[in-house]
C-alpha atoms as a PDB file:
ATOM      1  CA  MET A   1     105.573  12.267 197.621  1.00  0.00           C
ATOM      2  CA  HIS A   2     107.321  14.282 194.953  1.00  0.00           C
ATOM      3  CA  VAL A   3     107.487  12.707 191.512  1.00  0.00           C
ATOM      4  CA  THR A   4     110.224  13.994 189.332  1.00  0.00           C
ATOM      5  CA  ARG A   5     109.395  13.877 185.747  1.00  0.00           C
ATOM      6  CA  THR A   6     112.135  13.732 183.215  1.00  0.00           C
ATOM      7  CA  VAL A   7     112.824  17.106 181.695  1.00  0.00           C
ATOM      8  CA  THR A   8     115.488  17.776 179.197  1.00  0.00           C
ATOM      9  CA  ASP A   9     118.265  20.251 179.771  1.00  0.00           C
ATOM     10  CA  HIS A  10     116.647  22.481 177.257  1.00  0.00           C
ATOM     11  CA  GLU A  11     113.217  22.398 178.929  1.00  0.00           C
ATOM     12  CA  ARG A  12     114.835  22.970 182.352  1.00  0.00           C
ATOM     13  CA  THR A  13     116.667  26.047 180.891  1.00  0.00           C
ATOM     14  CA  GLN A  14     113.346  27.322 179.364  1.00  0.00           C
ATOM     15  CA  ARG A  15     111.516  26.830 182.652  1.00  0.00           C
ATOM     16  CA  ALA A  16     114.299  28.621 184.626  1.00  0.00           C
ATOM     17  CA  GLU A  17     114.198  31.562 182.105  1.00  0.00           C
ATOM     18  CA  ALA A  18     110.477  31.814 182.458  1.00  0.00           C
ATOM     19  CA  ILE A  19     110.662  31.937 186.228  1.00  0.00           C
ATOM     20  CA  ARG A  20     113.453  34.511 186.026  1.00  0.00           C
ATOM     21  CA  PHE A  21     111.396  36.706 183.805  1.00  0.00           C
ATOM     22  CA  ALA A  22     108.357  36.395 186.063  1.00  0.00           C
ATOM     23  CA  ARG A  23     110.461  37.112 189.215  1.00  0.00           C
ATOM     24  CA  ASN A  24     111.906  40.188 187.585  1.00  0.00           C
ATOM     25  CA  SER A  25     108.421  41.367 186.504  1.00  0.00           C
ATOM     26  CA  VAL A  26     107.225  41.041 190.101  1.00  0.00           C
ATOM     27  CA  ARG A  27     110.294  42.954 191.420  1.00  0.00           C
ATOM     28  CA  LEU A  28     109.554  45.828 188.893  1.00  0.00           C
ATOM     29  CA  GLU A  29     106.130  46.151 190.560  1.00  0.00           C
ATOM     30  CA  GLY A  30     107.860  46.500 193.907  1.00  0.00           C
ATOM     31  CA  PHE A  31     107.209  43.004 195.350  1.00  0.00           C
ATOM     32  CA  THR A  32     109.311  39.989 196.035  1.00  0.00           C
ATOM     33  CA  LEU A  33     108.360  36.335 195.905  1.00  0.00           C
ATOM     34  CA  SER A  34     107.986  34.406 199.187  1.00  0.00           C
ATOM     35  CA  ALA A  35     110.139  31.473 200.211  1.00  0.00           C
ATOM     36  CA  GLU A  36     107.168  29.284 199.489  1.00  0.00           C
ATOM     37  CA  ALA A  37     106.720  30.594 196.043  1.00  0.00           C
ATOM     38  CA  GLU A  38     110.389  30.221 195.278  1.00  0.00           C
ATOM     39  CA  ALA A  39     110.213  26.574 196.539  1.00  0.00           C
ATOM     40  CA  LEU A  40     107.375  25.935 194.134  1.00  0.00           C
ATOM     41  CA  ASN A  41     109.429  27.563 191.371  1.00  0.00           C
ATOM     42  CA  ARG A  42     112.411  25.196 192.078  1.00  0.00           C
ATOM     43  CA  ARG A  43     110.121  22.231 192.003  1.00  0.00           C
ATOM     44  CA  TYR A  44     108.691  23.284 188.668  1.00  0.00           C
ATOM     45  CA  ILE A  45     112.150  23.944 187.142  1.00  0.00           C
ATOM     46  CA  ASN A  46     113.418  20.585 188.399  1.00  0.00           C
ATOM     47  CA  GLY A  47     110.531  18.740 186.738  1.00  0.00           C
ATOM     48  CA  GLU A  48     108.659  17.857 189.879  1.00  0.00           C
ATOM     49  CA  MET A  49     105.559  19.766 188.691  1.00  0.00           C
ATOM     50  CA  THR A  50     103.899  20.357 185.391  1.00  0.00           C
ATOM     51  CA  SER A  51     103.082  23.883 184.306  1.00  0.00           C
ATOM     52  CA  ARG A  52      99.504  23.416 185.265  1.00  0.00           C
ATOM     53  CA  GLU A  53     100.404  22.046 188.676  1.00  0.00           C
ATOM     54  CA  HIS A  54     102.817  24.878 189.245  1.00  0.00           C
ATOM     55  CA  THR A  55     100.056  27.477 188.339  1.00  0.00           C
ATOM     56  CA  VAL A  56      97.442  25.831 190.536  1.00  0.00           C
ATOM     57  CA  ALA A  57      99.894  25.705 193.461  1.00  0.00           C
ATOM     58  CA  LEU A  58     100.894  29.345 193.112  1.00  0.00           C
ATOM     59  CA  LEU A  59      97.278  30.446 192.896  1.00  0.00           C
ATOM     60  CA  ALA A  60      96.447  28.476 196.069  1.00  0.00           C
ATOM     61  CA  LEU A  61      99.353  30.062 197.770  1.00  0.00           C
ATOM     62  CA  ALA A  62      98.305  33.512 196.801  1.00  0.00           C
ATOM     63  CA  LYS A  63      94.763  32.819 197.954  1.00  0.00           C
ATOM     64  CA  ARG A  64      95.998  31.640 201.386  1.00  0.00           C
ATOM     65  CA  SER A  65      98.439  34.673 201.619  1.00  0.00           C
ATOM     66  CA  SER A  66      95.622  37.105 200.819  1.00  0.00           C
ATOM     67  CA  LYS A  67      93.591  35.794 203.808  1.00  0.00           C
ATOM     68  CA  SER A  68      96.297  36.380 206.366  1.00  0.00           C
END
């Protein structure tokens, strides 16, 4: 079950900008984010995850991806 927290328009904009910056940084290194990572990013931007939850989920995804 996804719980959407109320985030202001300003916070949503800040979150989206942070994700855009991170995505571009990854691209500069020659990589692209997976569809799963982008789905987590959307959930974070929309207020469904805290920053901590987002980080933990991305780290878990990276760990799973490195094992395959």
